[in-house]
Amino acid sequence: MSKGTVYGLGLGPGDPDLMSVRADRILRRAAHVAYFRKEGRCGQARRIVEGLIPETAAEYPMEYPVTTEIPFEDPRYNATLSAFYADCTARLTALAEAGEDVVVLCEGDPFFYGSFMHLYTRLMGVVPVEVVPGITGMSAAWTASGAPITWGDDVLTVLPGTLPEETLAEGIGAADAVVVMKMGRHLEKLRRALAAAGKAEAAWIVEYAAMPGQQVTRLADYSEPTAPYFSILLVHGQGRRP
């Protein structure tokens, strides 16, 4: 019996209209659909495809054992997530080895800060794996801002907000254009880093890009101490123009 394929399906930033034709085609013929979520939640990836999954498809929620309950630097964090990804991989492998194709839903692009990459590295060489790229959340964010993120020879830097403050300040200061992901609980630290880099006045926050509730706000006018999980900070480049 030939093995089935595990598809890492990039769904884009939130609006189902931003899915690729290929992703839509694979999803509509899926017999097995897996997706990540927090316990008790629907999950953003599953929410994007509401009404698009075949009624006959079997669904496999993969619930994170931890998110922010344990600090990243605590050895228990990696150990717990490693065991979780190993268990998810075993479930997907069993289906694929039985000849079944499996679709794993991924918001944004599967290879850009996505959980699927942890499955991909474990599945490669064991069963066939195919990744379908998707529009990233940052692309939706700068589109929502109404301004190009880069011009001419601008250098774009993408930073996770979880980095130390000094590292953030150095990265922001060295770049022409900046995108900061994973910034919600780190907003105050990020404000200080932007100020140190001299770019606080140029920064914008985009909440829920390409989703219901999308908001674009200049950082200077943003009064909240934290931002929602689906938030991205932008500093637009101002480079060479004709």
Protein backbone atom coordinates (compact mmCIF):
# COMPACT_ATOMS: atom_id res chain seq x y z
CA MET A 1 0.00 0.00 0.00
CA SER A 2 1.35 3.43 -0.94
CA LYS A 3 1.61 5.97 1.85
CA GLY A 4 -0.67 8.98 2.09
CA THR A 5 0.59 12.54 2.11
CA VAL A 6 0.52 15.01 5.00
CA TYR A 7 -0.28 18.49 3.69
CA GLY A 8 0.74 21.57 5.63
CA LEU A 9 -1.95 23.87 4.31
CA GLY A 10 -1.22 27.61 4.50
CA LEU A 11 -4.56 29.39 4.92
CA GLY A 12 -3.41 32.99 4.92
CA PRO A 13 -3.94 35.64 7.61
CA GLY A 14 -7.62 35.17 8.39
CA ASP A 15 -9.96 36.02 5.52
CA PRO A 16 -10.83 32.77 3.68
CA ASP A 17 -10.88 34.77 0.42
CA LEU A 18 -7.09 35.09 0.82
CA MET A 19 -6.51 31.32 0.65
CA SER A 20 -4.77 30.09 -2.48
CA VAL A 21 -6.70 28.16 -5.12
CA ARG A 22 -4.48 25.14 -4.38
CA ALA A 23 -5.18 25.26 -0.64
CA ASP A 24 -8.91 25.50 -1.29
CA ARG A 25 -8.82 22.58 -3.72
CA ILE A 26 -6.91 20.30 -1.33
CA LEU A 27 -9.14 21.21 1.60
CA ARG A 28 -12.41 20.57 -0.23
CA ARG A 29 -11.41 16.98 -1.01
CA ALA A 30 -9.89 16.24 2.41
CA ALA A 31 -10.87 13.11 4.34
CA HIS A 32 -8.75 13.90 7.43
CA VAL A 33 -8.22 17.42 8.79
CA ALA A 34 -5.95 18.25 11.75
CA TYR A 35 -5.38 21.63 13.38
CA PHE A 36 -3.77 23.21 16.43
CA ARG A 37 -5.79 24.97 19.10
CA LYS A 38 -5.79 25.92 22.75
CA GLU A 39 -7.90 23.74 25.01
CA GLY A 40 -11.52 24.84 24.91
CA ARG A 41 -11.00 27.05 21.85
CA CYS A 42 -11.96 26.57 18.22
CA GLY A 43 -8.53 27.60 16.95
CA GLN A 44 -7.83 30.35 14.42
CA ALA A 45 -6.94 27.98 11.58
CA ARG A 46 -10.16 26.01 12.06
CA ARG A 47 -12.15 29.25 12.25
CA ILE A 48 -10.80 30.41 8.88
CA VAL A 49 -12.14 27.34 7.06
CA GLU A 50 -15.56 27.17 8.71
CA GLY A 51 -17.99 25.83 6.12
CA LEU A 52 -15.23 24.68 3.73
CA ILE A 53 -14.34 21.28 5.25
CA PRO A 54 -16.26 18.34 3.72
CA GLU A 55 -18.99 17.07 6.07
CA THR A 56 -17.56 13.57 5.78
CA ALA A 57 -14.06 14.58 6.89
CA ALA A 58 -12.70 13.39 10.24
CA GLU A 59 -11.27 16.20 12.36
CA TYR A 60 -8.26 15.92 14.69
CA PRO A 61 -7.81 18.86 17.10
CA MET A 62 -4.25 19.06 18.43
CA GLU A 63 -4.46 20.92 21.75
CA TYR A 64 -1.37 22.65 23.09
CA PRO A 65 -0.43 21.37 26.55
CA VAL A 66 1.08 24.78 27.42
CA THR A 67 1.21 28.23 25.87
CA THR A 68 2.36 30.90 28.35
CA GLU A 69 1.92 28.96 31.58
CA ILE A 70 5.62 28.02 31.69
CA PRO A 71 8.38 30.56 30.80
CA PHE A 72 10.18 29.86 27.51
CA GLU A 73 13.52 29.56 29.28
CA ASP A 74 12.25 26.87 31.67
CA PRO A 75 13.47 23.41 30.46
CA ARG A 76 9.98 22.05 31.12
CA TYR A 77 8.59 24.22 28.32
CA ASN A 78 10.61 22.59 25.54
CA ALA A 79 10.23 19.15 27.07
CA THR A 80 6.44 19.44 27.27
CA LEU A 81 6.05 20.77 23.73
CA SER A 82 8.51 18.24 22.32
CA ALA A 83 6.42 15.39 23.74
CA PHE A 84 3.27 17.04 22.36
CA TYR A 85 4.69 17.35 18.84
CA ALA A 86 5.95 13.77 18.97
CA ASP A 87 2.46 12.56 19.86
CA CYS A 88 0.89 14.62 17.05
CA THR A 89 3.46 13.28 14.62
CA ALA A 90 2.66 9.70 15.61
CA ARG A 91 -1.06 10.24 14.93
CA LEU A 92 -0.41 11.78 11.51
CA THR A 93 2.16 9.13 10.62
CA ALA A 94 -0.27 6.32 11.44
CA LEU A 95 -2.87 7.79 9.07
CA ALA A 96 -0.37 8.36 6.28
CA GLU A 97 1.11 4.86 6.62
CA ALA A 98 -2.41 3.50 6.28
CA GLY A 99 -2.60 5.21 2.88
CA GLU A 100 -4.65 8.22 4.02
CA ASP A 101 -3.93 11.83 3.07
CA VAL A 102 -4.09 14.28 5.98
CA VAL A 103 -4.51 18.04 5.83
CA VAL A 104 -2.97 20.09 8.65
CA LEU A 105 -4.49 23.58 8.79
CA CYS A 106 -1.99 26.40 9.29
CA GLU A 107 -2.86 30.08 9.62
CA GLY A 108 -0.54 32.32 7.64
CA ASP A 109 2.33 30.43 6.02
CA PRO A 110 3.36 27.04 7.48
CA PHE A 111 7.07 27.91 7.36
CA PHE A 112 6.80 31.35 8.98
CA TYR A 113 6.71 31.10 12.81
CA GLY A 114 4.17 28.27 12.47
CA SER A 115 3.66 25.20 14.65
CA PHE A 116 3.56 22.96 11.58
CA MET A 117 7.31 23.25 11.09
CA HIS A 118 7.78 21.18 14.26
CA LEU A 119 5.73 18.40 12.69
CA TYR A 120 7.43 18.80 9.33
CA THR A 121 10.91 18.13 10.69
CA ARG A 122 9.64 14.98 12.41
CA LEU A 123 7.65 13.71 9.40
CA MET A 124 10.29 14.29 6.72
CA GLY A 125 11.76 11.02 5.50
CA VAL A 126 9.03 9.03 7.26
CA VAL A 127 5.96 9.80 5.15
CA PRO A 128 5.38 12.13 2.18
CA VAL A 129 4.92 15.76 3.25
CA GLU A 130 3.84 18.69 1.09
CA VAL A 131 3.70 22.32 2.16
CA VAL A 132 1.26 24.74 0.54
CA PRO A 133 2.44 28.32 1.19
CA GLY A 134 0.07 31.03 2.34
CA ILE A 135 -0.08 34.81 2.64
CA THR A 136 1.61 35.84 5.88
CA GLY A 137 0.00 37.90 8.59
CA MET A 138 2.66 40.58 8.18
CA SER A 139 1.74 41.02 4.51
CA ALA A 140 -1.90 41.50 5.51
CA ALA A 141 -0.79 43.96 8.21
CA TRP A 142 1.18 46.30 5.98
CA THR A 143 -1.57 46.12 3.36
CA ALA A 144 -4.08 47.15 6.04
CA SER A 145 -1.82 50.08 6.99
CA GLY A 146 -2.29 51.55 3.52
CA ALA A 147 1.42 52.10 2.88
CA PRO A 148 4.23 50.02 1.30
CA ILE A 149 6.54 48.48 3.87
CA THR A 150 9.68 48.88 1.72
CA TRP A 151 10.91 51.23 -1.01
CA GLY A 152 13.94 50.96 -3.27
CA ASP A 153 16.82 49.38 -1.36
CA ASP A 154 15.16 49.35 2.07
CA VAL A 155 16.24 46.50 4.32
CA LEU A 156 13.29 44.77 6.02
CA THR A 157 13.89 43.17 9.40
CA VAL A 158 11.41 40.80 11.06
CA LEU A 159 11.78 40.48 14.83
CA PRO A 160 9.89 38.45 17.44
CA GLY A 161 8.79 40.60 20.36
CA THR A 162 10.03 37.92 22.75
CA LEU A 163 13.64 39.02 22.19
CA PRO A 164 15.51 40.91 24.92
CA GLU A 165 14.97 44.68 24.90
CA GLU A 166 18.55 45.48 23.92
CA THR A 167 18.42 43.03 21.00
CA LEU A 168 15.15 44.54 19.81
CA ALA A 169 16.59 48.06 19.96
CA GLU A 170 19.67 47.00 17.98
CA GLY A 171 17.61 45.23 15.32
CA ILE A 172 15.14 48.09 14.96
CA GLY A 173 17.90 50.68 14.81
CA ALA A 174 19.80 48.81 12.08
CA ALA A 175 16.80 48.29 9.79
CA ASP A 176 15.06 50.59 7.32
CA ALA A 177 11.70 48.84 7.73
CA VAL A 178 10.60 46.68 10.65
CA VAL A 179 7.96 44.05 11.39
CA VAL A 180 7.59 42.81 14.97
CA MET A 181 5.66 39.59 15.53
CA LYS A 182 4.62 38.01 18.86
CA MET A 183 4.46 41.41 20.46
CA GLY A 184 1.25 41.41 22.51
CA ARG A 185 2.50 40.90 26.08
CA HIS A 186 5.83 42.56 25.27
CA LEU A 187 4.43 45.91 24.16
CA GLU A 188 5.95 48.05 26.92
CA LYS A 189 9.38 46.54 26.34
CA LEU A 190 8.93 47.16 22.64
CA ARG A 191 7.99 50.79 23.22
CA ARG A 192 11.26 51.32 25.07
CA ALA A 193 13.25 49.56 22.35
CA LEU A 194 11.64 51.70 19.63
CA ALA A 195 12.36 54.85 21.62
CA ALA A 196 15.99 53.83 22.07
CA ALA A 197 16.24 53.26 18.31
CA GLY A 198 14.62 56.63 17.57
CA LYS A 199 11.67 55.09 15.71
CA ALA A 200 8.78 55.19 18.17
CA GLU A 201 6.99 57.99 16.29
CA ALA A 202 7.09 56.02 13.04
CA ALA A 203 5.56 52.82 14.46
CA TRP A 204 2.07 51.45 13.84
CA ILE A 205 0.12 48.60 15.43
CA VAL A 206 -2.19 46.47 13.30
CA GLU A 207 -4.63 44.29 15.22
CA TYR A 208 -6.44 41.34 13.59
CA ALA A 209 -5.14 41.98 10.07
CA ALA A 210 -7.55 40.54 7.47
CA MET A 211 -9.88 39.38 10.25
CA PRO A 212 -13.07 40.78 11.76
CA GLY A 213 -12.13 43.60 14.11
CA GLN A 214 -9.12 44.80 12.11
CA GLN A 215 -7.67 48.01 13.57
CA VAL A 216 -4.71 50.14 12.48
CA THR A 217 -3.36 52.58 15.08
CA ARG A 218 -0.28 54.76 15.34
CA LEU A 219 1.73 53.50 18.33
CA ALA A 220 1.84 57.01 19.79
CA ASP A 221 -1.97 56.92 19.98
CA TYR A 222 -2.17 53.37 21.37
CA SER A 223 -2.89 53.61 25.08
CA GLU A 224 -3.18 49.93 26.02
CA PRO A 225 -0.30 48.29 27.95
CA THR A 226 -0.62 45.09 25.92
CA ALA A 227 -1.96 44.19 22.49
CA PRO A 228 -4.11 41.24 21.34
CA TYR A 229 -2.39 38.02 20.29
CA PHE A 230 -3.07 38.73 16.61
CA SER A 231 -1.19 42.04 16.53
CA ILE A 232 1.78 43.13 14.45
CA LEU A 233 3.94 46.25 14.78
CA LEU A 234 5.23 48.02 11.66
CA VAL A 235 7.81 50.66 10.91
CA HIS A 236 7.58 51.54 7.20
CA GLY A 237 10.70 52.06 5.13
CA GLN A 238 11.25 55.45 3.52
CA GLY A 239 13.81 54.48 0.90
CA ARG A 240 14.66 55.46 -2.65
CA ARG A 241 11.78 56.40 -4.95
CA PRO A 242 11.71 57.49 -8.61
